[in-house]
Amino acid sequence: MWCRYVYKAAATKANILSDVVKLLTGETSLSNLSSDCDTAASQLITTVAAGWSLHDTAAGTNAKCLKAPLADDAATYKYLVIDTNTTGYLIGKAYETWNATSHTGTNLAYYSDSSSYCQRISTSSAKIYLSASARHVLLFSDMAGTLGSSTGSSPSGLFERSRDLAWDTVAAGYPPSAFINFSLANSAGDIYPPRIKRRSTTDGTGATAISTLSSTFVTHVGAFSETGLITDGQGGEYVPLLPLIMTRWNRGTYAYPGPYGNFSTQCQVWMIPTGVFTVFDEFSAGGNTYIALSNSIGVKYCTRKA
């Protein structure tokens, strides 16, 4: 699912929450959203199903918990609490588990509840871009050109990866997902799964679960600053889509060397060369349409528009 959700001036927290939750849980018509949605200015594409379901309607004041199954274990879920209660912010809190009776979760992904690294909402008319599938949720706010998180002007969300290390099996039970703010990741690659296996020590949770967003030929995404396109050998050029991979590069002796898993193959969110597009430009690659995304250092990522 991809949506440009435009809300009206003075939209309420409750209505923005309701609309975002509806979109992430499979709504296919903008006309079914609240009266605070500017349907004429919004756009919704549901070629790919949003893939999430409502798990807890009482996850807090102006907060609801969603869940989506893991790619390799349909009986196990990843959990995301959508929260608009803090004035001016749309927060997506990522958890390993969530109890819908006690309304509490376990292993909150570090920084996913931070107002610095979530998305912003306005009392004026503004936009929220949403990309979702059963593998991910990406949120990116646009308040008249003021983009994304208050720190780093970045998209953020919860993303599932593949399991690429021998110990990382379904039976082992480690959550193959992470909270990513793309500006936070751009500094030293910092991303945060709810829980991670560490070598010769206890599991990492919270701040100690810190991991690294890497890609092809670079230790972390912040080290990538290439520009330009690649010639196709036939007089044209194409955009290289560089995979986003979780490692624990430079995380000390407790980290396992090697790639933990690939986010891009699961979520269709990629890194691209800088300086090629402006934010929200559309381009085609591999028969799919993508939307260019930015953070404070420029346009460097993209997500599928489908």
Protein backbone atom coordinates (compact mmCIF):
# COMPACT_ATOMS: atom_id res chain seq x y z
CA MET A 1 0.00 0.00 0.00
CA TRP A 2 1.12 3.52 -0.74
CA CYS A 3 -0.77 6.63 0.32
CA ARG A 4 -0.38 10.37 0.25
CA TYR A 5 -2.71 11.18 3.13
CA VAL A 6 -3.66 14.85 3.32
CA TYR A 7 -5.45 16.02 6.44
CA LYS A 8 -7.31 19.27 6.87
CA ALA A 9 -6.45 22.20 9.13
CA ALA A 10 -7.42 21.57 12.76
CA ALA A 11 -7.65 17.81 12.21
CA THR A 12 -8.02 16.03 15.54
CA LYS A 13 -5.52 13.57 17.00
CA ALA A 14 -8.26 10.96 17.14
CA ASN A 15 -9.18 11.33 13.47
CA ILE A 16 -5.58 11.26 12.24
CA LEU A 17 -5.02 8.12 14.34
CA SER A 18 -8.19 6.52 13.03
CA ASP A 19 -7.30 7.27 9.41
CA VAL A 20 -3.70 6.05 9.66
CA VAL A 21 -4.83 2.83 11.35
CA LYS A 22 -7.51 2.25 8.71
CA LEU A 23 -4.98 2.72 5.92
CA LEU A 24 -2.50 0.33 7.51
CA THR A 25 -5.17 -2.32 8.11
CA GLY A 26 -6.43 -2.56 4.56
CA GLU A 27 -8.74 0.34 3.77
CA THR A 28 -9.08 0.66 -0.01
CA SER A 29 -11.22 3.79 -0.32
CA LEU A 30 -10.37 7.30 0.86
CA SER A 31 -14.09 8.00 1.15
CA ASN A 32 -14.20 5.72 4.21
CA LEU A 33 -11.74 7.87 6.16
CA SER A 34 -12.73 10.60 8.61
CA SER A 35 -14.05 14.02 7.67
CA ASP A 36 -10.57 15.39 8.42
CA CYS A 37 -9.13 13.66 5.34
CA ASP A 38 -8.87 15.87 2.26
CA THR A 39 -9.86 13.15 -0.17
CA ALA A 40 -9.44 15.34 -3.26
CA ALA A 41 -5.77 15.99 -2.45
CA SER A 42 -4.99 12.48 -1.16
CA GLN A 43 -3.99 9.42 -3.17
CA LEU A 44 -4.25 5.73 -2.25
CA ILE A 45 -2.77 2.76 -4.13
CA THR A 46 -3.43 -0.75 -2.86
CA THR A 47 -1.80 -3.01 -5.45
CA VAL A 48 0.15 -4.45 -2.52
CA ALA A 49 -2.04 -5.13 0.52
CA ALA A 50 -1.21 -3.07 3.60
CA GLY A 51 -0.95 -6.34 5.48
CA TRP A 52 -1.53 -5.26 9.10
CA SER A 53 -4.44 -6.00 11.44
CA LEU A 54 -5.78 -4.23 14.51
CA HIS A 55 -4.58 -6.02 17.65
CA ASP A 56 -5.49 -3.68 20.53
CA THR A 57 -7.83 -0.71 20.29
CA ALA A 58 -6.87 0.46 23.80
CA ALA A 59 -3.08 0.60 23.60
CA GLY A 60 -3.12 3.99 25.34
CA THR A 61 -4.78 7.37 24.96
CA ASN A 62 -4.98 8.04 21.22
CA ALA A 63 -2.98 4.86 20.58
CA LYS A 64 -3.75 1.55 18.87
CA CYS A 65 -1.61 -1.54 18.41
CA LEU A 66 -1.28 -3.23 15.03
CA LYS A 67 0.31 -6.55 14.14
CA ALA A 68 1.57 -8.31 11.02
CA PRO A 69 2.84 -11.89 10.64
CA LEU A 70 6.48 -12.70 9.99
CA ALA A 71 7.37 -13.79 6.48
CA ASP A 72 8.67 -17.20 7.58
CA ASP A 73 6.40 -17.80 10.58
CA ALA A 74 2.76 -16.84 10.11
CA ALA A 75 1.96 -17.69 13.74
CA THR A 76 4.36 -15.04 15.09
CA TYR A 77 3.87 -11.31 14.71
CA LYS A 78 5.66 -8.00 14.85
CA TYR A 79 3.81 -5.23 16.70
CA LEU A 80 3.53 -1.50 16.08
CA VAL A 81 1.66 0.95 18.32
CA ILE A 82 0.45 3.98 16.37
CA ASP A 83 0.23 6.91 18.78
CA THR A 84 -0.91 10.51 18.18
CA ASN A 85 -1.37 11.51 21.82
CA THR A 86 1.79 13.62 22.08
CA THR A 87 0.76 16.92 20.51
CA GLY A 88 2.50 17.48 17.20
CA TYR A 89 3.73 13.91 16.67
CA LEU A 90 2.82 10.65 14.97
CA ILE A 91 4.76 7.94 16.80
CA GLY A 92 5.17 4.31 15.73
CA LYS A 93 6.39 2.28 18.73
CA ALA A 94 7.83 -1.11 17.78
CA TYR A 95 7.58 -4.08 20.17
CA GLU A 96 8.53 -7.74 20.09
CA THR A 97 5.20 -8.76 21.67
CA TRP A 98 2.03 -7.01 22.82
CA ASN A 99 -0.60 -8.22 25.31
CA ALA A 100 -4.01 -6.91 24.26
CA THR A 101 -5.50 -7.71 27.68
CA SER A 102 -2.98 -5.88 29.86
CA HIS A 103 -2.27 -3.37 27.06
CA THR A 104 1.48 -3.70 27.51
CA GLY A 105 4.35 -4.75 25.29
CA THR A 106 7.75 -6.36 25.69
CA ASN A 107 11.07 -5.18 24.31
CA LEU A 108 10.28 -1.75 22.95
CA ALA A 109 12.68 -0.96 20.12
CA TYR A 110 14.98 1.81 21.30
CA TYR A 111 14.13 5.32 20.05
CA SER A 112 10.88 4.15 18.42
CA ASP A 113 8.96 6.07 21.11
CA SER A 114 11.12 9.20 20.76
CA SER A 115 9.56 12.44 19.53
CA SER A 116 12.95 13.23 17.97
CA TYR A 117 12.83 10.32 15.53
CA CYS A 118 9.12 9.90 14.75
CA GLN A 119 6.93 11.88 12.35
CA ARG A 120 5.28 15.25 12.91
CA ILE A 121 1.69 16.43 12.57
CA SER A 122 0.40 19.98 12.29
CA THR A 123 -2.63 22.06 13.18
CA SER A 124 -2.53 23.30 9.57
CA SER A 125 -3.34 21.12 6.58
CA ALA A 126 -0.41 18.77 5.90
CA LYS A 127 0.55 15.39 4.46
CA ILE A 128 1.67 12.00 5.72
CA TYR A 129 3.13 9.57 3.22
CA LEU A 130 2.62 5.91 4.10
CA SER A 131 4.17 2.80 2.59
CA ALA A 132 3.10 -0.55 3.98
CA SER A 133 3.01 -4.27 3.40
CA ALA A 134 2.89 -7.25 5.73
CA ARG A 135 6.67 -6.79 5.99
CA HIS A 136 6.90 -3.09 6.89
CA VAL A 137 5.43 0.29 7.75
CA LEU A 138 7.15 3.48 6.58
CA LEU A 139 5.86 6.92 7.62
CA PHE A 140 7.04 10.29 6.27
CA SER A 141 5.39 13.59 7.22
CA ASP A 142 5.34 16.74 5.09
CA MET A 143 4.23 19.95 6.78
CA ALA A 144 4.43 22.47 3.92
CA GLY A 145 7.95 21.33 3.08
CA THR A 146 9.07 20.65 6.66
CA LEU A 147 9.77 16.96 6.27
CA GLY A 148 9.92 13.96 8.54
CA SER A 149 11.36 13.66 12.01
CA SER A 150 12.32 16.72 14.05
CA THR A 151 15.87 15.35 14.18
CA GLY A 152 17.17 14.62 10.71
CA SER A 153 14.02 15.34 8.63
CA SER A 154 13.70 11.64 7.94
CA PRO A 155 11.15 8.88 7.32
CA SER A 156 10.87 6.23 10.01
CA GLY A 157 9.16 2.91 10.59
CA LEU A 158 9.33 -0.80 11.35
CA PHE A 159 10.96 -3.11 8.81
CA GLU A 160 11.30 -6.88 8.59
CA ARG A 161 14.48 -8.54 7.31
CA SER A 162 15.42 -11.98 6.08
CA ARG A 163 17.26 -14.39 8.41
CA ASP A 164 20.73 -14.93 6.96
CA LEU A 165 22.83 -16.31 9.84
CA ALA A 166 22.81 -20.01 10.73
CA TRP A 167 21.61 -19.51 14.32
CA ASP A 168 18.82 -17.13 13.29
CA THR A 169 16.02 -19.63 12.77
CA VAL A 170 12.29 -19.49 13.42
CA ALA A 171 12.81 -21.89 16.32
CA ALA A 172 15.42 -19.59 17.90
CA GLY A 173 12.71 -16.95 18.14
CA TYR A 174 14.60 -13.69 17.62
CA PRO A 175 12.45 -10.94 16.04
CA PRO A 176 13.70 -10.30 12.47
CA SER A 177 12.67 -6.65 12.42
CA ALA A 178 14.02 -3.26 13.43
CA PHE A 179 13.00 0.33 14.00
CA ILE A 180 14.72 2.53 11.43
CA ASN A 181 14.92 6.31 11.27
CA PHE A 182 16.94 6.96 8.13
CA SER A 183 18.71 10.02 9.51
CA LEU A 184 19.70 8.22 12.70
CA ALA A 185 20.94 5.37 10.52
CA ASN A 186 22.87 7.78 8.32
CA SER A 187 25.13 8.98 11.15
CA ALA A 188 26.77 5.66 12.02
CA GLY A 189 24.25 3.14 10.77
CA ASP A 190 22.28 3.04 14.04
CA ILE A 191 19.09 0.96 13.95
CA TYR A 192 17.30 -0.92 16.72
CA PRO A 193 15.62 -4.33 16.67
CA PRO A 194 13.43 -5.09 19.71
CA ARG A 195 15.83 -7.88 20.73
CA ILE A 196 19.02 -9.30 19.26
CA LYS A 197 21.32 -12.25 19.92
CA ARG A 198 24.78 -11.19 21.06
CA ARG A 199 27.92 -13.30 21.16
CA SER A 200 28.94 -14.79 24.54
CA THR A 201 26.61 -12.58 26.55
CA THR A 202 22.96 -11.85 27.26
CA ASP A 203 20.53 -10.82 24.55
CA GLY A 204 20.54 -7.18 23.56
CA THR A 205 17.37 -5.13 24.19
CA GLY A 206 16.76 -1.40 24.26
CA ALA A 207 20.01 0.49 23.67
CA THR A 208 22.09 -2.71 23.79
CA ALA A 209 20.26 -4.09 20.75
CA ILE A 210 21.93 -1.42 18.60
CA SER A 211 22.66 -2.72 15.12
CA THR A 212 23.90 -1.28 11.84
CA LEU A 213 22.14 -0.45 8.58
CA SER A 214 24.62 -1.42 5.89
CA SER A 215 24.56 -1.93 2.15
CA THR A 216 26.59 -3.24 -0.74
CA PHE A 217 30.24 -2.16 -0.60
CA VAL A 218 29.79 0.08 2.47
CA THR A 219 30.14 -0.53 6.20
CA HIS A 220 27.06 1.56 6.92
CA VAL A 221 24.69 3.72 4.90
CA GLY A 222 26.23 6.95 6.16
CA ALA A 223 29.44 6.01 4.36
CA PHE A 224 27.65 5.96 0.99
CA SER A 225 27.71 9.28 -0.86
CA GLU A 226 27.85 8.22 -4.49
CA THR A 227 26.01 10.24 -7.13
CA GLY A 228 24.80 9.58 -10.65
CA LEU A 229 23.32 6.73 -12.61
CA ILE A 230 24.78 3.64 -14.30
CA THR A 231 24.97 3.25 -18.06
CA ASP A 232 22.97 0.37 -19.46
CA GLY A 233 25.35 -0.13 -22.40
CA GLN A 234 22.65 0.81 -24.90
CA GLY A 235 22.78 4.58 -24.71
CA GLY A 236 20.65 4.88 -21.61
CA GLU A 237 21.09 4.89 -17.85
CA TYR A 238 19.41 3.22 -14.91
CA VAL A 239 19.04 3.79 -11.17
CA PRO A 240 20.89 1.23 -9.03
CA LEU A 241 18.79 -0.01 -6.12
CA LEU A 242 21.19 -0.83 -3.28
CA PRO A 243 19.96 -3.32 -0.67
CA LEU A 244 19.58 -2.30 2.97
CA ILE A 245 21.17 -4.97 5.15
CA MET A 246 21.32 -5.37 8.92
CA THR A 247 24.76 -6.04 10.36
CA ARG A 248 26.37 -5.25 13.68
CA TRP A 249 29.44 -3.60 12.16
CA ASN A 250 31.52 -1.70 14.72
CA ARG A 251 29.34 -2.84 17.65
CA GLY A 252 32.17 -4.36 19.69
CA THR A 253 33.22 -7.88 20.55
CA TYR A 254 29.66 -8.96 21.37
CA ALA A 255 28.56 -8.59 17.75
CA TYR A 256 28.51 -11.41 15.24
CA PRO A 257 30.38 -10.62 12.02
CA GLY A 258 28.33 -10.98 8.89
CA PRO A 259 24.92 -9.94 7.56
CA TYR A 260 21.96 -10.64 9.82
CA GLY A 261 19.47 -10.12 6.99
CA ASN A 262 18.13 -8.08 4.09
CA PHE A 263 15.38 -5.49 4.56
CA SER A 264 15.04 -4.51 0.91
CA THR A 265 14.01 -7.89 -0.46
CA GLN A 266 11.30 -8.06 2.19
CA CYS A 267 10.09 -4.44 2.22
CA GLN A 268 10.99 -2.94 -1.18
CA VAL A 269 12.78 -0.02 0.48
CA TRP A 270 16.22 0.70 -1.00
CA MET A 271 19.16 3.08 -0.97
CA ILE A 272 19.84 5.09 -4.15
CA PRO A 273 22.60 7.47 -5.28
CA THR A 274 22.29 11.01 -3.97
CA GLY A 275 21.74 13.98 -6.25
CA VAL A 276 19.70 12.08 -8.83
CA PHE A 277 16.17 12.94 -7.69
CA THR A 278 14.31 15.49 -5.64
CA VAL A 279 12.13 14.23 -2.81
CA PHE A 280 8.92 12.49 -3.90
CA ASP A 281 10.09 12.13 -7.50
CA GLU A 282 8.82 8.95 -9.11
CA PHE A 283 10.96 6.61 -11.20
CA SER A 284 10.78 3.10 -12.64
CA ALA A 285 13.14 0.22 -11.92
CA GLY A 286 12.67 -3.47 -12.61
CA GLY A 287 9.11 -2.90 -13.74
CA ASN A 288 8.10 -1.19 -10.48
CA THR A 289 7.45 2.45 -9.62
CA TYR A 290 9.40 3.96 -6.73
CA ILE A 291 9.15 7.20 -4.74
CA ALA A 292 12.34 9.03 -3.80
CA LEU A 293 12.73 9.81 -0.09
CA SER A 294 15.07 12.17 1.72
CA ASN A 295 16.66 12.95 5.04
CA SER A 296 18.70 15.95 6.16
CA ILE A 297 21.64 15.09 3.89
CA GLY A 298 19.58 14.70 0.71
CA VAL A 299 17.54 12.27 -1.36
CA LYS A 300 19.07 8.86 -0.68
CA TYR A 301 16.33 6.24 -0.29
CA CYS A 302 13.20 5.07 -2.06
CA THR A 303 10.13 2.93 -1.47
CA ARG A 304 7.90 1.13 -3.91
CA LYS A 305 4.69 2.90 -4.89
CA ALA A 306 2.19 0.06 -5.08
